[in-house]
């Protein structure tokens, strides 16, 4: 027996070729794409997480690390870890902002 969830456009629960629901197939493809992207970035000393940090810095220009962490949906210590690695490779720089009492990063 299979359970499907018909939606407005036929539903993500509808089995597609091979008998798997479309949602499961999309999730597998997304995971495979993430792995391939990580492998490519790993070849040049990067990671998807580090790429997301650099991308957010370029696109959003957050004023503080706290803002950046919030935009990325990660905790401060995790961001600090990524920024330390990016800074060591010369991809970002950090400075103390005395007027707001916080650290900021730039790419």
PDB file of N, CA and C in Angstrom:
ATOM      1  N   UNK A   1       0.842  -1.155   0.000  1.00  0.00           N
ATOM      2  CA  UNK A   1       0.000   0.000   0.000  1.00  0.00           C
ATOM      3  C   UNK A   1       0.899   1.233   0.000  1.00  0.00           C
ATOM      4  N   UNK A   2       0.511   2.260  -0.758  1.00  0.00           N
ATOM      5  CA  UNK A   2       1.268   3.500  -0.729  1.00  0.00           C
ATOM      6  C   UNK A   2       0.335   4.633  -0.340  1.00  0.00           C
ATOM      7  N   UNK A   3       0.900   5.571   0.403  1.00  0.00           N
ATOM      8  CA  UNK A   3       0.125   6.721   0.840  1.00  0.00           C
ATOM      9  C   UNK A   3       0.577   7.912   0.020  1.00  0.00           C
ATOM     10  N   UNK A   4      -0.367   8.591  -0.568  1.00  0.00           N
ATOM     11  CA  UNK A   4      -0.025   9.787  -1.333  1.00  0.00           C
ATOM     12  C   UNK A   4      -0.778  10.969  -0.760  1.00  0.00           C
ATOM     13  N   UNK A   5      -0.241  12.135  -0.993  1.00  0.00           N
ATOM     14  CA  UNK A   5      -0.904  13.343  -0.525  1.00  0.00           C
ATOM     15  C   UNK A   5      -1.171  14.238  -1.721  1.00  0.00           C
ATOM     16  N   UNK A   6      -2.341  14.106  -2.321  1.00  0.00           N
ATOM     17  CA  UNK A   6      -2.617  14.922  -3.488  1.00  0.00           C
ATOM     18  C   UNK A   6      -2.631  16.391  -3.113  1.00  0.00           C
ATOM     19  N   UNK A   7      -1.957  17.179  -3.898  1.00  0.00           N
ATOM     20  CA  UNK A   7      -1.915  18.621  -3.662  1.00  0.00           C
ATOM     21  C   UNK A   7      -2.503  19.345  -4.845  1.00  0.00           C
ATOM     22  N   UNK A   8      -2.294  20.603  -4.858  1.00  0.00           N
ATOM     23  CA  UNK A   8      -2.850  21.445  -5.911  1.00  0.00           C
ATOM     24  C   UNK A   8      -2.387  21.013  -7.297  1.00  0.00           C
ATOM     25  N   UNK A   9      -1.118  20.582  -7.404  1.00  0.00           N
ATOM     26  CA  UNK A   9      -0.580  20.193  -8.703  1.00  0.00           C
ATOM     27  C   UNK A   9      -0.268  18.701  -8.762  1.00  0.00           C
ATOM     28  N   UNK A  10      -1.040  17.901  -8.105  1.00  0.00           N
ATOM     29  CA  UNK A  10      -0.838  16.463  -8.148  1.00  0.00           C
ATOM     30  C   UNK A  10      -0.162  15.917  -6.912  1.00  0.00           C
ATOM     31  N   UNK A  11       0.505  16.754  -6.160  1.00  0.00           N
ATOM     32  CA  UNK A  11       1.056  16.354  -4.873  1.00  0.00           C
ATOM     33  C   UNK A  11       2.451  15.784  -4.936  1.00  0.00           C
ATOM     34  N   UNK A  12       3.252  16.172  -3.946  1.00  0.00           N
ATOM     35  CA  UNK A  12       4.620  15.673  -3.845  1.00  0.00           C
ATOM     36  C   UNK A  12       4.628  14.211  -3.438  1.00  0.00           C
ATOM     37  N   UNK A  13       3.506  13.710  -2.911  1.00  0.00           N
ATOM     38  CA  UNK A  13       3.443  12.326  -2.478  1.00  0.00           C
ATOM     39  C   UNK A  13       3.135  11.356  -3.606  1.00  0.00           C
ATOM     40  N   UNK A  14       2.851  11.865  -4.783  1.00  0.00           N
ATOM     41  CA  UNK A  14       2.521  11.009  -5.926  1.00  0.00           C
ATOM     42  C   UNK A  14       3.771  10.278  -6.402  1.00  0.00           C
ATOM     43  N   UNK A  15       3.719   8.951  -6.521  1.00  0.00           N
ATOM     44  CA  UNK A  15       4.885   8.208  -7.013  1.00  0.00           C
ATOM     45  C   UNK A  15       5.240   8.624  -8.434  1.00  0.00           C
ATOM     46  N   UNK A  16       6.525   8.704  -8.709  1.00  0.00           N
ATOM     47  CA  UNK A  16       7.020   9.008 -10.053  1.00  0.00           C
ATOM     48  C   UNK A  16       7.762   7.785 -10.553  1.00  0.00           C
ATOM     49  N   UNK A  17       8.454   7.920 -11.663  1.00  0.00           N
ATOM     50  CA  UNK A  17       9.194   6.795 -12.236  1.00  0.00           C
ATOM     51  C   UNK A  17      10.038   6.130 -11.161  1.00  0.00           C
ATOM     52  N   UNK A  18       9.975   4.846 -11.062  1.00  0.00           N
ATOM     53  CA  UNK A  18      10.717   4.100 -10.053  1.00  0.00           C
ATOM     54  C   UNK A  18       9.905   3.880  -8.794  1.00  0.00           C
ATOM     55  N   UNK A  19       8.710   4.454  -8.708  1.00  0.00           N
ATOM     56  CA  UNK A  19       7.834   4.229  -7.583  1.00  0.00           C
ATOM     57  C   UNK A  19       8.080   5.099  -6.367  1.00  0.00           C
ATOM     58  N   UNK A  20       9.100   5.986  -6.390  1.00  0.00           N
ATOM     59  CA  UNK A  20       9.363   6.852  -5.236  1.00  0.00           C
ATOM     60  C   UNK A  20       8.533   8.129  -5.341  1.00  0.00           C
ATOM     61  N   UNK A  21       8.096   8.643  -4.218  1.00  0.00           N
ATOM     62  CA  UNK A  21       7.393   9.928  -4.240  1.00  0.00           C
ATOM     63  C   UNK A  21       8.330  11.033  -4.742  1.00  0.00           C
ATOM     64  N   UNK A  22       7.777  12.001  -5.396  1.00  0.00           N
ATOM     65  CA  UNK A  22       8.549  13.105  -5.961  1.00  0.00           C
ATOM     66  C   UNK A  22       9.377  13.819  -4.897  1.00  0.00           C
ATOM     67  N   UNK A  23       8.804  14.039  -3.706  1.00  0.00           N
ATOM     68  CA  UNK A  23       9.531  14.718  -2.635  1.00  0.00           C
ATOM     69  C   UNK A  23      10.799  13.979  -2.233  1.00  0.00           C
ATOM     70  N   UNK A  24      10.730  12.649  -2.194  1.00  0.00           N
ATOM     71  CA  UNK A  24      11.900  11.831  -1.851  1.00  0.00           C
ATOM     72  C   UNK A  24      12.960  11.968  -2.936  1.00  0.00           C
ATOM     73  N   UNK A  25      12.524  11.942  -4.180  1.00  0.00           N
ATOM     74  CA  UNK A  25      13.443  12.077  -5.312  1.00  0.00           C
ATOM     75  C   UNK A  25      14.137  13.442  -5.285  1.00  0.00           C
ATOM     76  N   UNK A  26      13.378  14.503  -5.032  1.00  0.00           N
ATOM     77  CA  UNK A  26      13.950  15.850  -4.961  1.00  0.00           C
ATOM     78  C   UNK A  26      14.963  15.934  -3.822  1.00  0.00           C
ATOM     79  N   UNK A  27      14.651  15.351  -2.670  1.00  0.00           N
ATOM     80  CA  UNK A  27      15.573  15.370  -1.534  1.00  0.00           C
ATOM     81  C   UNK A  27      16.872  14.644  -1.874  1.00  0.00           C
ATOM     82  N   UNK A  28      16.775  13.522  -2.577  1.00  0.00           N
ATOM     83  CA  UNK A  28      17.989  12.778  -2.965  1.00  0.00           C
ATOM     84  C   UNK A  28      18.847  13.589  -3.933  1.00  0.00           C
ATOM     85  N   UNK A  29      18.203  14.237  -4.887  1.00  0.00           N
ATOM     86  CA  UNK A  29      18.939  15.054  -5.858  1.00  0.00           C
ATOM     87  C   UNK A  29      19.616  16.221  -5.143  1.00  0.00           C
ATOM     88  N   UNK A  30      18.912  16.858  -4.210  1.00  0.00           N
ATOM     89  CA  UNK A  30      19.489  17.976  -3.457  1.00  0.00           C
ATOM     90  C   UNK A  30      20.714  17.528  -2.658  1.00  0.00           C
ATOM     91  N   UNK A  31      20.638  16.363  -2.019  1.00  0.00           N
ATOM     92  CA  UNK A  31      21.780  15.836  -1.265  1.00  0.00           C
ATOM     93  C   UNK A  31      22.964  15.559  -2.186  1.00  0.00           C
ATOM     94  N   UNK A  32      22.677  14.977  -3.338  1.00  0.00           N
ATOM     95  CA  UNK A  32      23.749  14.682  -4.296  1.00  0.00           C
ATOM     96  C   UNK A  32      24.395  15.972  -4.789  1.00  0.00           C
ATOM     97  N   UNK A  33      23.591  16.995  -5.040  1.00  0.00           N
ATOM     98  CA  UNK A  33      24.129  18.286  -5.481  1.00  0.00           C
ATOM     99  C   UNK A  33      24.986  18.907  -4.387  1.00  0.00           C
ATOM    100  N   UNK A  34      24.534  18.837  -3.127  1.00  0.00           N
ATOM    101  CA  UNK A  34      25.326  19.349  -2.000  1.00  0.00           C
ATOM    102  C   UNK A  34      26.672  18.648  -1.904  1.00  0.00           C
ATOM    103  N   UNK A  35      26.650  17.316  -2.036  1.00  0.00           N
ATOM    104  CA  UNK A  35      27.909  16.553  -1.962  1.00  0.00           C
ATOM    105  C   UNK A  35      28.854  16.946  -3.095  1.00  0.00           C
ATOM    106  N   UNK A  36      28.323  17.073  -4.310  1.00  0.00           N
ATOM    107  CA  UNK A  36      29.157  17.439  -5.461  1.00  0.00           C
ATOM    108  C   UNK A  36      29.752  18.835  -5.265  1.00  0.00           C
ATOM    109  N   UNK A  37      28.940  19.762  -4.762  1.00  0.00           N
ATOM    110  CA  UNK A  37      29.401  21.127  -4.520  1.00  0.00           C
ATOM    111  C   UNK A  37      30.505  21.122  -3.468  1.00  0.00           C
ATOM    112  N   UNK A  38      30.301  20.369  -2.379  1.00  0.00           N
ATOM    113  CA  UNK A  38      31.318  20.257  -1.327  1.00  0.00           C
ATOM    114  C   UNK A  38      32.622  19.674  -1.864  1.00  0.00           C
ATOM    115  N   UNK A  39      32.512  18.661  -2.714  1.00  0.00           N
ATOM    116  CA  UNK A  39      33.718  18.042  -3.282  1.00  0.00           C
ATOM    117  C   UNK A  39      34.493  19.044  -4.127  1.00  0.00           C
ATOM    118  N   UNK A  40      33.790  19.832  -4.926  1.00  0.00           N
ATOM    119  CA  UNK A  40      34.454  20.846  -5.753  1.00  0.00           C
ATOM    120  C   UNK A  40      35.128  21.904  -4.875  1.00  0.00           C
ATOM    121  N   UNK A  41      34.406  22.367  -3.872  1.00  0.00           N
ATOM    122  CA  UNK A  41      34.975  23.379  -2.978  1.00  0.00           C
ATOM    123  C   UNK A  41      36.134  22.822  -2.167  1.00  0.00           C
ATOM    124  N   UNK A  42      36.036  21.550  -1.765  1.00  0.00           N
ATOM    125  CA  UNK A  42      37.095  20.914  -1.002  1.00  0.00           C
ATOM    126  C   UNK A  42      38.390  20.884  -1.806  1.00  0.00           C
ATOM    127  N   UNK A  43      38.260  20.764  -3.111  1.00  0.00           N
ATOM    128  CA  UNK A  43      39.428  20.743  -3.985  1.00  0.00           C
ATOM    129  C   UNK A  43      40.220  22.037  -3.957  1.00  0.00           C
ATOM    130  N   UNK A  44      39.587  23.119  -3.548  1.00  0.00           N
ATOM    131  CA  UNK A  44      40.276  24.405  -3.451  1.00  0.00           C
ATOM    132  C   UNK A  44      40.331  24.896  -2.005  1.00  0.00           C
ATOM    133  N   UNK A  45      40.107  23.973  -1.058  1.00  0.00           N
ATOM    134  CA  UNK A  45      40.224  24.304   0.353  1.00  0.00           C
ATOM    135  C   UNK A  45      39.018  24.997   0.953  1.00  0.00           C
ATOM    136  N   UNK A  46      37.857  24.813   0.365  1.00  0.00           N
ATOM    137  CA  UNK A  46      36.655  25.470   0.866  1.00  0.00           C
ATOM    138  C   UNK A  46      35.601  24.484   1.311  1.00  0.00           C
ATOM    139  N   UNK A  47      34.434  25.014   1.661  1.00  0.00           N
ATOM    140  CA  UNK A  47      33.290  24.191   2.036  1.00  0.00           C
ATOM    141  C   UNK A  47      32.029  24.977   1.728  1.00  0.00           C
ATOM    142  N   UNK A  48      30.913  24.293   1.690  1.00  0.00           N
ATOM    143  CA  UNK A  48      29.639  24.965   1.444  1.00  0.00           C
ATOM    144  C   UNK A  48      29.362  25.986   2.539  1.00  0.00           C
ATOM    145  N   UNK A  49      29.664  25.638   3.771  1.00  0.00           N
ATOM    146  CA  UNK A  49      29.439  26.564   4.889  1.00  0.00           C
ATOM    147  C   UNK A  49      30.264  27.838   4.722  1.00  0.00           C
ATOM    148  N   UNK A  50      31.530  27.684   4.374  1.00  0.00           N
ATOM    149  CA  UNK A  50      32.396  28.851   4.178  1.00  0.00           C
ATOM    150  C   UNK A  50      31.907  29.690   2.997  1.00  0.00           C
ATOM    151  N   UNK A  51      31.476  29.036   1.950  1.00  0.00           N
ATOM    152  CA  UNK A  51      30.958  29.738   0.776  1.00  0.00           C
ATOM    153  C   UNK A  51      29.727  30.556   1.153  1.00  0.00           C
ATOM    154  N   UNK A  52      28.853  29.978   1.987  1.00  0.00           N
ATOM    155  CA  UNK A  52      27.652  30.702   2.420  1.00  0.00           C
ATOM    156  C   UNK A  52      28.031  31.950   3.220  1.00  0.00           C
ATOM    157  N   UNK A  53      29.081  31.866   4.038  1.00  0.00           N
ATOM    158  CA  UNK A  53      29.522  33.020   4.814  1.00  0.00           C
ATOM    159  C   UNK A  53      30.002  34.125   3.876  1.00  0.00           C
ATOM    160  N   UNK A  54      30.868  33.774   2.928  1.00  0.00           N
ATOM    161  CA  UNK A  54      31.395  34.770   1.991  1.00  0.00           C
ATOM    162  C   UNK A  54      30.262  35.371   1.159  1.00  0.00           C
ATOM    163  N   UNK A  55      29.349  34.530   0.703  1.00  0.00           N
ATOM    164  CA  UNK A  55      28.218  35.013  -0.086  1.00  0.00           C
ATOM    165  C   UNK A  55      27.372  36.011   0.719  1.00  0.00           C
ATOM    166  N   UNK A  56      27.085  35.686   1.969  1.00  0.00           N
ATOM    167  CA  UNK A  56      26.281  36.576   2.815  1.00  0.00           C
ATOM    168  C   UNK A  56      27.004  37.901   3.052  1.00  0.00           C
ATOM    169  N   UNK A  57      28.317  37.850   3.229  1.00  0.00           N
ATOM    170  CA  UNK A  57      29.080  39.081   3.416  1.00  0.00           C
ATOM    171  C   UNK A  57      28.986  39.969   2.182  1.00  0.00           C
ATOM    172  N   UNK A  58      29.093  39.363   1.025  1.00  0.00           N
ATOM    173  CA  UNK A  58      29.051  40.143  -0.220  1.00  0.00           C
ATOM    174  C   UNK A  58      27.658  40.682  -0.513  1.00  0.00           C
ATOM    175  N   UNK A  59      26.637  39.868  -0.294  1.00  0.00           N
ATOM    176  CA  UNK A  59      25.274  40.271  -0.652  1.00  0.00           C
ATOM    177  C   UNK A  59      24.608  41.186   0.364  1.00  0.00           C
ATOM    178  N   UNK A  60      24.815  40.902   1.656  1.00  0.00           N
ATOM    179  CA  UNK A  60      24.043  41.594   2.686  1.00  0.00           C
ATOM    180  C   UNK A  60      24.828  42.636   3.471  1.00  0.00           C
ATOM    181  N   UNK A  61      26.127  42.575   3.430  1.00  0.00           N
ATOM    182  CA  UNK A  61      26.986  43.514   4.151  1.00  0.00           C
ATOM    183  C   UNK A  61      26.541  43.727   5.606  1.00  0.00           C
ATOM    184  N   UNK A  62      26.458  42.635   6.389  1.00  0.00           N
ATOM    185  CA  UNK A  62      26.045  42.789   7.790  1.00  0.00           C
ATOM    186  C   UNK A  62      27.055  43.638   8.551  1.00  0.00           C
ATOM    187  N   UNK A  63      26.579  44.371   9.510  1.00  0.00           N
ATOM    188  CA  UNK A  63      27.454  45.271  10.272  1.00  0.00           C
ATOM    189  C   UNK A  63      28.241  44.539  11.355  1.00  0.00           C
ATOM    190  N   UNK A  64      27.676  43.471  11.909  1.00  0.00           N
ATOM    191  CA  UNK A  64      28.358  42.742  12.980  1.00  0.00           C
ATOM    192  C   UNK A  64      28.339  41.238  12.697  1.00  0.00           C
ATOM    193  N   UNK A  65      29.204  40.521  13.415  1.00  0.00           N
ATOM    194  CA  UNK A  65      29.196  39.058  13.301  1.00  0.00           C
ATOM    195  C   UNK A  65      27.868  38.504  13.804  1.00  0.00           C
ATOM    196  N   UNK A  66      27.299  39.122  14.809  1.00  0.00           N
ATOM    197  CA  UNK A  66      26.013  38.668  15.329  1.00  0.00           C
ATOM    198  C   UNK A  66      24.933  38.762  14.242  1.00  0.00           C
ATOM    199  N   UNK A  67      24.928  39.859  13.498  1.00  0.00           N
ATOM    200  CA  UNK A  67      23.984  40.015  12.382  1.00  0.00           C
ATOM    201  C   UNK A  67      24.206  38.929  11.336  1.00  0.00           C
ATOM    202  N   UNK A  68      25.474  38.698  11.011  1.00  0.00           N
ATOM    203  CA  UNK A  68      25.812  37.688  10.013  1.00  0.00           C
ATOM    204  C   UNK A  68      25.360  36.307  10.460  1.00  0.00           C
ATOM    205  N   UNK A  69      25.619  35.962  11.711  1.00  0.00           N
ATOM    206  CA  UNK A  69      25.200  34.659  12.235  1.00  0.00           C
ATOM    207  C   UNK A  69      23.684  34.519  12.146  1.00  0.00           C
ATOM    208  N   UNK A  70      22.969  35.583  12.497  1.00  0.00           N
ATOM    209  CA  UNK A  70      21.504  35.551  12.437  1.00  0.00           C
ATOM    210  C   UNK A  70      21.032  35.347  10.995  1.00  0.00           C
ATOM    211  N   UNK A  71      21.645  36.059  10.043  1.00  0.00           N
ATOM    212  CA  UNK A  71      21.266  35.913   8.633  1.00  0.00           C
ATOM    213  C   UNK A  71      21.491  34.495   8.129  1.00  0.00           C
ATOM    214  N   UNK A  72      22.556  33.866   8.610  1.00  0.00           N
ATOM    215  CA  UNK A  72      22.887  32.510   8.166  1.00  0.00           C
ATOM    216  C   UNK A  72      22.141  31.433   8.950  1.00  0.00           C
ATOM    217  N   UNK A  73      21.543  31.820  10.070  1.00  0.00           N
ATOM    218  CA  UNK A  73      20.831  30.840  10.889  1.00  0.00           C
ATOM    219  C   UNK A  73      21.763  29.905  11.638  1.00  0.00           C
ATOM    220  N   UNK A  74      22.938  30.440  12.039  1.00  0.00           N
ATOM    221  CA  UNK A  74      23.903  29.628  12.784  1.00  0.00           C
ATOM    222  C   UNK A  74      24.267  30.343  14.078  1.00  0.00           C
ATOM    223  N   UNK A  75      24.905  29.623  14.984  1.00  0.00           N
ATOM    224  CA  UNK A  75      25.331  30.176  16.267  1.00  0.00           C
ATOM    225  C   UNK A  75      26.641  30.943  16.111  1.00  0.00           C
ATOM    226  N   UNK A  76      26.874  31.878  17.015  1.00  0.00           N
ATOM    227  CA  UNK A  76      28.085  32.695  16.978  1.00  0.00           C
ATOM    228  C   UNK A  76      29.380  31.902  16.941  1.00  0.00           C
ATOM    229  N   UNK A  77      29.553  30.891  17.817  1.00  0.00           N
ATOM    230  CA  UNK A  77      30.797  30.120  17.797  1.00  0.00           C
ATOM    231  C   UNK A  77      31.032  29.392  16.462  1.00  0.00           C
ATOM    232  N   UNK A  78      29.965  28.949  15.840  1.00  0.00           N
ATOM    233  CA  UNK A  78      30.101  28.286  14.526  1.00  0.00           C
ATOM    234  C   UNK A  78      30.588  29.287  13.501  1.00  0.00           C
ATOM    235  N   UNK A  79      30.013  30.480  13.515  1.00  0.00           N
ATOM    236  CA  UNK A  79      30.452  31.525  12.588  1.00  0.00           C
ATOM    237  C   UNK A  79      31.904  31.893  12.847  1.00  0.00           C
ATOM    238  N   UNK A  80      32.280  32.030  14.116  1.00  0.00           N
ATOM    239  CA  UNK A  80      33.658  32.366  14.463  1.00  0.00           C
ATOM    240  C   UNK A  80      34.625  31.336  13.888  1.00  0.00           C
ATOM    241  N   UNK A  81      34.265  30.061  13.982  1.00  0.00           N
ATOM    242  CA  UNK A  81      35.085  28.983  13.415  1.00  0.00           C
ATOM    243  C   UNK A  81      35.285  29.197  11.911  1.00  0.00           C
ATOM    244  N   UNK A  82      34.196  29.471  11.193  1.00  0.00           N
ATOM    245  CA  UNK A  82      34.292  29.675   9.744  1.00  0.00           C
ATOM    246  C   UNK A  82      35.102  30.925   9.415  1.00  0.00           C
ATOM    247  N   UNK A  83      34.870  32.007  10.147  1.00  0.00           N
ATOM    248  CA  UNK A  83      35.593  33.247   9.876  1.00  0.00           C
ATOM    249  C   UNK A  83      37.086  33.105  10.144  1.00  0.00           C
ATOM    250  N   UNK A  84      37.443  32.354  11.181  1.00  0.00           N
ATOM    251  CA  UNK A  84      38.859  32.130  11.487  1.00  0.00           C
ATOM    252  C   UNK A  84      39.552  31.434  10.312  1.00  0.00           C
ATOM    253  N   UNK A  85      38.905  30.401   9.767  1.00  0.00           N
ATOM    254  CA  UNK A  85      39.472  29.699   8.610  1.00  0.00           C
ATOM    255  C   UNK A  85      39.549  30.582   7.374  1.00  0.00           C
ATOM    256  N   UNK A  86      38.504  31.351   7.121  1.00  0.00           N
ATOM    257  CA  UNK A  86      38.481  32.246   5.961  1.00  0.00           C
ATOM    258  C   UNK A  86      39.515  33.359   6.105  1.00  0.00           C
ATOM    259  N   UNK A  87      39.683  33.855   7.331  1.00  0.00           N
ATOM    260  CA  UNK A  87      40.665  34.896   7.585  1.00  0.00           C
ATOM    261  C   UNK A  87      42.089  34.363   7.384  1.00  0.00           C
ATOM    262  N   UNK A  88      42.332  33.132   7.819  1.00  0.00           N
ATOM    263  CA  UNK A  88      43.657  32.513   7.656  1.00  0.00           C
ATOM    264  C   UNK A  88      44.024  32.366   6.179  1.00  0.00           C
ATOM    265  N   UNK A  89      43.016  32.188   5.330  1.00  0.00           N
ATOM    266  CA  UNK A  89      43.261  32.068   3.884  1.00  0.00           C
ATOM    267  C   UNK A  89      43.204  33.416   3.169  1.00  0.00           C
ATOM    268  N   UNK A  90      43.014  34.489   3.927  1.00  0.00           N
ATOM    269  CA  UNK A  90      43.002  35.826   3.342  1.00  0.00           C
ATOM    270  C   UNK A  90      41.718  36.174   2.595  1.00  0.00           C
ATOM    271  N   UNK A  91      40.647  35.434   2.866  1.00  0.00           N
ATOM    272  CA  UNK A  91      39.388  35.678   2.153  1.00  0.00           C
ATOM    273  C   UNK A  91      38.496  36.694   2.845  1.00  0.00           C
ATOM    274  N   UNK A  92      38.659  36.865   4.146  1.00  0.00           N
ATOM    275  CA  UNK A  92      37.910  37.875   4.892  1.00  0.00           C
ATOM    276  C   UNK A  92      38.852  38.537   5.886  1.00  0.00           C
ATOM    277  N   UNK A  93      38.425  39.680   6.376  1.00  0.00           N
ATOM    278  CA  UNK A  93      39.167  40.324   7.459  1.00  0.00           C
ATOM    279  C   UNK A  93      38.148  40.737   8.514  1.00  0.00           C
ATOM    280  N   UNK A  94      38.602  40.749   9.758  1.00  0.00           N
ATOM    281  CA  UNK A  94      37.732  41.141  10.868  1.00  0.00           C
ATOM    282  C   UNK A  94      38.343  42.330  11.580  1.00  0.00           C
ATOM    283  N   UNK A  95      37.462  43.149  12.107  1.00  0.00           N
ATOM    284  CA  UNK A  95      37.931  44.289  12.895  1.00  0.00           C
ATOM    285  C   UNK A  95      36.951  44.548  14.021  1.00  0.00           C
ATOM    286  N   UNK A  96      37.466  45.174  15.062  1.00  0.00           N
ATOM    287  CA  UNK A  96      36.641  45.541  16.214  1.00  0.00           C
ATOM    288  C   UNK A  96      36.002  46.890  15.907  1.00  0.00           C
ATOM    289  N   UNK A  97      34.725  47.009  16.162  1.00  0.00           N
ATOM    290  CA  UNK A  97      34.012  48.262  15.948  1.00  0.00           C
ATOM    291  C   UNK A  97      33.772  48.900  17.302  1.00  0.00           C
ATOM    292  N   UNK A  98      34.629  49.836  17.698  1.00  0.00           N
ATOM    293  CA  UNK A  98      34.518  50.413  19.033  1.00  0.00           C
ATOM    294  C   UNK A  98      33.192  51.146  19.277  1.00  0.00           C
ATOM    295  N   UNK A  99      32.630  51.763  18.245  1.00  0.00           N
ATOM    296  CA  UNK A  99      31.391  52.511  18.439  1.00  0.00           C
ATOM    297  C   UNK A  99      30.201  51.640  18.779  1.00  0.00           C
ATOM    298  N   UNK A 100      30.256  50.340  18.369  1.00  0.00           N
ATOM    299  CA  UNK A 100      29.135  49.453  18.694  1.00  0.00           C
ATOM    300  C   UNK A 100      29.574  48.301  19.590  1.00  0.00           C
ATOM    301  N   UNK A 101      30.863  48.214  19.890  1.00  0.00           N
ATOM    302  CA  UNK A 101      31.360  47.199  20.801  1.00  0.00           C
ATOM    303  C   UNK A 101      31.226  45.788  20.283  1.00  0.00           C
ATOM    304  N   UNK A 102      31.385  45.586  18.984  1.00  0.00           N
ATOM    305  CA  UNK A 102      31.241  44.264  18.400  1.00  0.00           C
ATOM    306  C   UNK A 102      32.264  44.066  17.311  1.00  0.00           C
ATOM    307  N   UNK A 103      32.437  42.810  16.886  1.00  0.00           N
ATOM    308  CA  UNK A 103      33.346  42.507  15.787  1.00  0.00           C
ATOM    309  C   UNK A 103      32.567  42.510  14.489  1.00  0.00           C
ATOM    310  N   UNK A 104      33.234  42.959  13.429  1.00  0.00           N
ATOM    311  CA  UNK A 104      32.619  42.914  12.121  1.00  0.00           C
ATOM    312  C   UNK A 104      33.557  42.181  11.178  1.00  0.00           C
ATOM    313  N   UNK A 105      33.009  41.676  10.101  1.00  0.00           N
ATOM    314  CA  UNK A 105      33.802  40.949   9.107  1.00  0.00           C
ATOM    315  C   UNK A 105      33.501  41.515   7.743  1.00  0.00           C
ATOM    316  N   UNK A 106      34.479  41.452   6.851  1.00  0.00           N
ATOM    317  CA  UNK A 106      34.264  41.887   5.477  1.00  0.00           C
ATOM    318  C   UNK A 106      35.015  40.963   4.549  1.00  0.00           C
ATOM    319  N   UNK A 107      34.518  40.871   3.319  1.00  0.00           N
ATOM    320  CA  UNK A 107      35.165  39.995   2.337  1.00  0.00           C
ATOM    321  C   UNK A 107      35.932  40.820   1.341  1.00  0.00           C
TER     322      UNK A 107
END
